[in-house]
Structure formats: C-alpha cells, structure tokens
C-alpha cells in the first residue's frame, strides 16, 4: 500500500494497526474515505492526532453504492502511468520474488504460486479476482498479472476477514 496513488476506503477505519506512523502512511496517496456514519469521518479524517496528523483528501458520508460510483467517475487510469507501474512491479518480482520458478510438473505438491499462474492462464487474465486476508492474498497480488483495471478486489490488508466471498458476489 505504501506506493499507492489512491486509497479508497469504504466503511473501513484507519486505526494504528493500519497506519502505524501516520506521517509515513502512504505518503503519495490521495485517501478517499466513505462511511455511512457521518461522525466517523471527522474522527478518521484526522488520523490519531497524538501520533501525527494526516488529512484525508476526500471524505464523504453516504451509502456506499452512490459514493463509490462518484469516485469511479473521477478515477480514470493513465496508460503511461500504468505501464510504468508494471515495470516497477516486474523489477520487484525479479529482485525479491518469493517463487523460484518451480512448476507443478516438477513436484508432487502444487505450489500456491503455480495455482495462481494456472488461474491466470486459464482465464486469460480476464477474471475478477477477490480474496480474504492472508498468504493467498499476497500470492494473488504477486502472481496474477491483472491486465484490466478494477479486476483485483481485496481489502488492501485492512484486516477484513470474510471479505472475499461477498466481494465476489458484488463484483462485475
């Protein structure tokens, strides 16, 4: 999340387990926070003043559906920026990848990375992918190369267990 350019938080809270040092939390990101409960926005628009402050760029109280539609209209991808981002991700994979090129044919065990790559190949990269929190979230983020925007739907590590299945029902 540290290198995010936009964080869209719908019904989430920014507590110290998420932000840690507030002044260092996603410094280049615009934070869009949507919550149905208006009193929550003033509390979370200033993240933990005793640990440093960080103003949200946009806070909105309202139903998630109408608010996210408004946010989606404002967030159009820039193909050049997206291409640069993929180059950066590929360089991280090359330098720090967790997988050492094992394929399932070489072992009686199926490695999680192989499972994700097989799903990517089977779907031609066109699937909507959701996840809960855990290692599978990391493997999906690292090994399913998303070729289209808005196809990777997860809680962003914000600790929302049980997110994956209802997110899948709501996607597309």
Protein backbone atom coordinates (compact mmCIF):
# COMPACT_ATOMS: atom_id res chain seq x y z
CA UNK A 1 0.00 0.00 0.00
CA UNK A 2 2.92 2.33 0.66
CA UNK A 3 3.32 3.13 -3.06
CA UNK A 4 -0.41 3.58 -3.70
CA UNK A 5 -1.55 6.67 -5.53
CA UNK A 6 -5.17 6.36 -4.35
CA UNK A 7 -6.70 4.57 -1.37
CA UNK A 8 -10.46 4.08 -1.49
CA UNK A 9 -11.71 3.07 1.96
CA UNK A 10 -15.40 2.20 2.10
CA UNK A 11 -16.73 1.57 5.60
CA UNK A 12 -13.21 0.97 6.92
CA UNK A 13 -11.42 2.63 9.76
CA UNK A 14 -7.84 3.82 9.92
CA UNK A 15 -6.58 2.64 13.28
CA UNK A 16 -2.97 2.30 14.39
CA UNK A 17 -2.80 -1.31 13.12
CA UNK A 18 -3.29 0.07 9.63
CA UNK A 19 -1.38 3.35 9.67
CA UNK A 20 1.42 2.77 12.20
CA UNK A 21 3.30 6.09 11.89
CA UNK A 22 0.66 8.37 10.41
CA UNK A 23 3.08 10.82 8.82
CA UNK A 24 4.65 7.93 6.86
CA UNK A 25 1.40 6.18 5.91
CA UNK A 26 1.10 6.07 2.10
CA UNK A 27 2.69 9.50 1.63
CA UNK A 28 1.91 9.80 -2.08
CA UNK A 29 -1.68 8.58 -1.89
CA UNK A 30 -4.90 10.50 -2.09
CA UNK A 31 -7.16 9.00 0.56
CA UNK A 32 -10.86 8.72 -0.24
CA UNK A 33 -12.86 7.66 2.81
CA UNK A 34 -16.55 6.78 2.52
CA UNK A 35 -18.67 5.88 5.53
CA UNK A 36 -22.41 5.86 6.13
CA UNK A 37 -21.93 7.21 9.67
CA UNK A 38 -21.05 10.95 9.41
CA UNK A 39 -19.50 11.18 12.90
CA UNK A 40 -16.85 8.63 11.85
CA UNK A 41 -15.46 10.89 9.12
CA UNK A 42 -14.26 13.71 11.38
CA UNK A 43 -12.66 11.12 13.66
CA UNK A 44 -10.85 9.38 10.84
CA UNK A 45 -10.14 12.41 8.68
CA UNK A 46 -7.53 13.31 11.27
CA UNK A 47 -5.71 10.10 11.95
CA UNK A 48 -4.57 9.86 15.55
CA UNK A 49 -3.56 13.47 16.25
CA UNK A 50 -1.43 12.34 19.19
CA UNK A 51 0.79 10.38 16.77
CA UNK A 52 0.91 12.94 13.96
CA UNK A 53 -1.78 14.17 11.63
CA UNK A 54 -2.83 13.30 8.14
CA UNK A 55 -5.83 14.91 6.50
CA UNK A 56 -7.92 12.81 4.16
CA UNK A 57 -8.12 14.20 0.66
CA UNK A 58 -11.82 13.40 0.38
CA UNK A 59 -14.33 12.26 2.98
CA UNK A 60 -17.94 11.51 2.21
CA UNK A 61 -20.81 10.29 4.33
CA UNK A 62 -23.35 8.29 2.40
CA UNK A 63 -24.45 4.97 1.01
CA UNK A 64 -21.51 3.06 -0.43
CA UNK A 65 -23.11 2.50 -3.86
CA UNK A 66 -23.70 6.15 -4.73
CA UNK A 67 -20.43 7.30 -3.21
CA UNK A 68 -18.28 4.73 -4.98
CA UNK A 69 -19.94 5.45 -8.32
CA UNK A 70 -18.97 9.09 -7.87
CA UNK A 71 -15.39 8.11 -7.01
CA UNK A 72 -15.14 5.74 -10.01
CA UNK A 73 -16.10 8.52 -12.39
CA UNK A 74 -13.16 10.57 -11.11
CA UNK A 75 -10.59 7.76 -11.33
CA UNK A 76 -9.66 7.04 -14.93
CA UNK A 77 -6.39 5.11 -15.48
CA UNK A 78 -3.47 6.75 -17.28
CA UNK A 79 -1.97 4.11 -19.63
CA UNK A 80 1.55 5.57 -19.38
CA UNK A 81 1.48 5.57 -15.58
CA UNK A 82 0.06 2.03 -15.59
CA UNK A 83 2.87 0.81 -17.89
CA UNK A 84 5.50 2.37 -15.63
CA UNK A 85 3.85 0.75 -12.60
CA UNK A 86 4.01 -2.70 -14.25
CA UNK A 87 7.71 -2.17 -14.98
CA UNK A 88 8.27 -1.35 -11.30
CA UNK A 89 6.33 -4.43 -10.18
CA UNK A 90 8.30 -6.65 -12.56
CA UNK A 91 11.60 -5.30 -11.22
CA UNK A 92 10.46 -6.05 -7.64
CA UNK A 93 9.46 -9.55 -8.70
CA UNK A 94 12.86 -10.12 -10.31
CA UNK A 95 14.74 -8.83 -7.28
CA UNK A 96 12.60 -10.10 -4.41
CA UNK A 97 10.27 -12.76 -5.77
CA UNK A 98 9.17 -15.48 -3.38
CA UNK A 99 8.88 -18.10 -6.09
CA UNK A 100 11.88 -19.75 -7.67
CA UNK A 101 10.32 -20.98 -10.87
CA UNK A 102 9.07 -24.38 -9.71
CA UNK A 103 6.25 -25.71 -11.80
CA UNK A 104 3.78 -28.29 -10.55
CA UNK A 105 5.11 -30.88 -13.05
CA UNK A 106 8.42 -30.95 -11.14
CA UNK A 107 6.88 -31.83 -7.79
CA UNK A 108 4.07 -33.87 -6.33
CA UNK A 109 2.98 -30.73 -4.46
CA UNK A 110 1.20 -27.83 -6.08
CA UNK A 111 2.83 -24.59 -5.04
CA UNK A 112 0.40 -21.69 -4.39
CA UNK A 113 2.25 -19.61 -6.98
CA UNK A 114 1.61 -22.33 -9.58
CA UNK A 115 -2.09 -22.35 -8.72
CA UNK A 116 -2.35 -18.60 -9.24
CA UNK A 117 -0.39 -18.76 -12.52
CA UNK A 118 -2.65 -21.60 -13.73
CA UNK A 119 -5.72 -19.50 -12.92
CA UNK A 120 -4.23 -16.55 -14.78
CA UNK A 121 -3.54 -18.71 -17.84
CA UNK A 122 -6.97 -20.39 -17.71
CA UNK A 123 -8.78 -17.04 -17.54
CA UNK A 124 -6.52 -15.20 -19.99
CA UNK A 125 -6.16 -12.54 -17.32
CA UNK A 126 -9.81 -11.53 -17.70
CA UNK A 127 -11.17 -12.72 -14.33
CA UNK A 128 -12.42 -10.64 -11.46
CA UNK A 129 -10.32 -11.85 -8.54
CA UNK A 130 -11.24 -11.38 -4.88
CA UNK A 131 -9.52 -12.53 -1.72
CA UNK A 132 -9.71 -12.57 2.03
CA UNK A 133 -6.70 -11.70 4.21
CA UNK A 134 -3.64 -13.93 4.31
CA UNK A 135 -0.96 -15.52 2.18
CA UNK A 136 -3.34 -16.28 -0.66
CA UNK A 137 -3.97 -12.53 -0.93
CA UNK A 138 -0.25 -11.94 -1.34
CA UNK A 139 0.18 -14.75 -3.88
CA UNK A 140 -2.74 -13.47 -5.97
CA UNK A 141 -1.38 -9.93 -5.90
CA UNK A 142 2.10 -11.08 -6.90
CA UNK A 143 1.40 -13.79 -9.48
CA UNK A 144 -1.89 -12.95 -11.19
CA UNK A 145 -0.97 -10.25 -13.66
CA UNK A 146 -4.03 -8.07 -13.89
CA UNK A 147 -4.42 -6.82 -17.45
CA UNK A 148 -7.52 -4.72 -16.83
CA UNK A 149 -8.33 -2.11 -14.18
CA UNK A 150 -10.71 -2.86 -11.32
CA UNK A 151 -10.26 -6.65 -11.56
CA UNK A 152 -8.35 -7.16 -8.26
CA UNK A 153 -10.78 -6.70 -5.39
CA UNK A 154 -9.47 -7.10 -1.86
CA UNK A 155 -9.46 -5.34 1.48
CA UNK A 156 -5.95 -4.00 0.96
CA UNK A 157 -4.64 -5.66 4.09
CA UNK A 158 -7.00 -3.74 6.34
CA UNK A 159 -7.85 -6.87 8.29
CA UNK A 160 -11.31 -7.52 6.87
CA UNK A 161 -11.63 -11.30 7.16
CA UNK A 162 -14.55 -12.77 5.27
CA UNK A 163 -14.32 -10.07 2.58
CA UNK A 164 -13.60 -12.33 -0.41
CA UNK A 165 -16.89 -14.16 -0.95
CA UNK A 166 -19.30 -11.20 -0.68
CA UNK A 167 -16.86 -9.12 -2.75
CA UNK A 168 -17.06 -11.77 -5.47
CA UNK A 169 -20.85 -11.69 -5.37
CA UNK A 170 -20.78 -7.92 -5.79
CA UNK A 171 -18.10 -7.75 -8.49
CA UNK A 172 -18.98 -7.08 -12.12
